[in-house]
Protein backbone atom coordinates (compact mmCIF):
# COMPACT_ATOMS: atom_id res chain seq x y z
CA UNK A 1 41.42 82.67 52.83
CA UNK A 2 44.45 81.49 51.44
CA UNK A 3 44.72 77.93 50.10
CA UNK A 4 47.78 75.90 50.98
CA UNK A 5 48.81 72.40 49.46
CA UNK A 6 47.59 71.08 53.00
CA UNK A 7 44.24 72.29 52.91
CA UNK A 8 43.88 71.31 49.46
CA UNK A 9 44.88 67.47 50.08
CA UNK A 10 42.57 67.28 53.17
CA UNK A 11 39.74 68.48 50.99
CA UNK A 12 40.27 65.95 48.33
CA UNK A 13 41.05 63.07 50.67
CA UNK A 14 37.36 64.03 52.54
CA UNK A 15 35.80 64.11 49.08
CA UNK A 16 37.28 60.73 48.33
CA UNK A 17 36.01 59.39 51.34
CA UNK A 18 32.48 60.90 50.76
CA UNK A 19 32.38 59.40 47.57
CA UNK A 20 33.67 55.94 49.16
CA UNK A 21 31.03 55.97 51.83
CA UNK A 22 28.22 56.81 48.95
CA UNK A 23 29.61 54.00 46.72
CA UNK A 24 29.62 51.60 49.78
CA UNK A 25 26.17 52.63 50.87
CA UNK A 26 24.64 52.00 47.16
CA UNK A 27 26.35 48.82 46.76
CA UNK A 28 24.66 47.52 50.16
CA UNK A 29 21.22 48.78 48.55
CA UNK A 30 21.85 46.89 45.39
CA UNK A 31 22.83 43.89 47.50
CA UNK A 32 19.29 44.04 49.26
CA UNK A 33 17.95 44.74 46.20
CA UNK A 34 19.18 41.42 44.92
CA UNK A 35 17.70 39.50 47.86
CA UNK A 36 14.46 40.54 47.76
CA UNK A 37 14.12 40.70 43.87
CA UNK A 38 11.05 39.60 42.32
CA UNK A 39 11.37 36.71 39.69
CA UNK A 40 11.81 37.59 35.87
CA UNK A 41 9.39 37.38 33.11
CA UNK A 42 11.37 34.90 31.79
CA UNK A 43 11.45 32.72 35.45
CA UNK A 44 7.72 33.35 35.80
CA UNK A 45 7.08 31.97 32.19
CA UNK A 46 9.03 28.77 33.14
CA UNK A 47 7.28 28.39 36.65
CA UNK A 48 3.78 28.45 34.64
CA UNK A 49 5.07 26.30 31.56
CA UNK A 50 7.36 24.05 32.90
CA UNK A 51 5.57 20.74 32.25
CA UNK A 52 4.65 21.74 28.81
CA UNK A 53 8.23 22.57 27.89
CA UNK A 54 9.24 19.02 29.52
CA UNK A 55 6.59 17.37 27.28
CA UNK A 56 7.48 19.18 24.49
CA UNK A 57 11.07 18.45 24.46
CA UNK A 58 10.73 14.72 25.60
CA UNK A 59 12.59 15.62 28.91
CA UNK A 60 11.57 13.69 31.92
CA UNK A 61 11.00 13.86 35.44
CA UNK A 62 12.53 12.28 38.61
CA UNK A 63 9.34 10.60 39.62
CA UNK A 64 9.33 9.28 35.90
CA UNK A 65 12.78 7.74 36.14
CA UNK A 66 12.03 6.22 39.48
CA UNK A 67 8.94 4.79 38.05
CA UNK A 68 10.52 3.48 34.90
CA UNK A 69 13.29 1.95 37.53
CA UNK A 70 10.72 0.07 39.32
CA UNK A 71 8.82 -1.53 36.27
CA UNK A 72 12.39 -2.25 34.70
CA UNK A 73 13.26 -4.28 37.87
CA UNK A 74 9.57 -5.72 37.77
CA UNK A 75 10.35 -6.65 34.20
CA UNK A 76 13.91 -8.29 34.80
CA UNK A 77 12.81 -10.27 37.84
CA UNK A 78 9.69 -11.89 35.77
CA UNK A 79 12.22 -12.24 32.78
CA UNK A 80 15.04 -13.84 35.23
CA UNK A 81 12.17 -16.10 36.27
CA UNK A 82 11.35 -17.05 32.87
CA UNK A 83 15.00 -17.77 32.19
CA UNK A 84 15.28 -20.13 34.98
CA UNK A 85 12.40 -22.19 33.49
CA UNK A 86 13.78 -22.08 30.00
CA UNK A 87 16.74 -23.65 31.34
CA UNK A 88 15.39 -26.32 32.93
CA UNK A 89 13.15 -27.13 30.09
CA UNK A 90 16.34 -27.23 28.04
CA UNK A 91 18.09 -29.49 30.39
CA UNK A 92 15.34 -31.72 29.88
CA UNK A 93 15.06 -31.52 26.23
CA UNK A 94 19.12 -32.34 26.00
CA UNK A 95 18.39 -35.40 28.17
CA UNK A 96 15.42 -36.35 25.73
CA UNK A 97 17.81 -35.82 22.61
CA UNK A 98 20.89 -38.14 24.09
CA UNK A 99 18.39 -40.66 24.83
CA UNK A 100 16.88 -40.31 21.16
CA UNK A 101 20.56 -40.02 19.83
CA UNK A 102 21.17 -43.65 21.65
CA UNK A 103 18.07 -45.14 20.38
CA UNK A 104 18.88 -44.03 17.00
CA UNK A 105 22.05 -45.73 17.25
CA UNK A 106 20.86 -48.62 18.46
CA UNK A 107 18.34 -48.55 15.21
CA UNK A 108 21.23 -48.13 12.81
CA UNK A 109 23.34 -50.87 14.46
CA UNK A 110 20.55 -53.17 13.48
């Protein structure tokens, strides 16, 4: 059997196609494994200890932030009401101060 250049290149081409086919098959297998991959040890650790980690590092959760927001809103509404009451009292005290100053001027004028 005599080997010529055409036969050599055909064998090389078929070999490269087979290698490419095997590599493509292995690539698809690796993609499938990634999709069905079980969680790693680190992921399992975080899943089990997430709440403790949040507490140790002083992180907060969305629920706590929402609760804080509601509490702050209630406090602000309460403080706004107190401010209105204090403004009214201040206006009354200012009126009393004006009347007292007028009476003092009358007394000083004697």
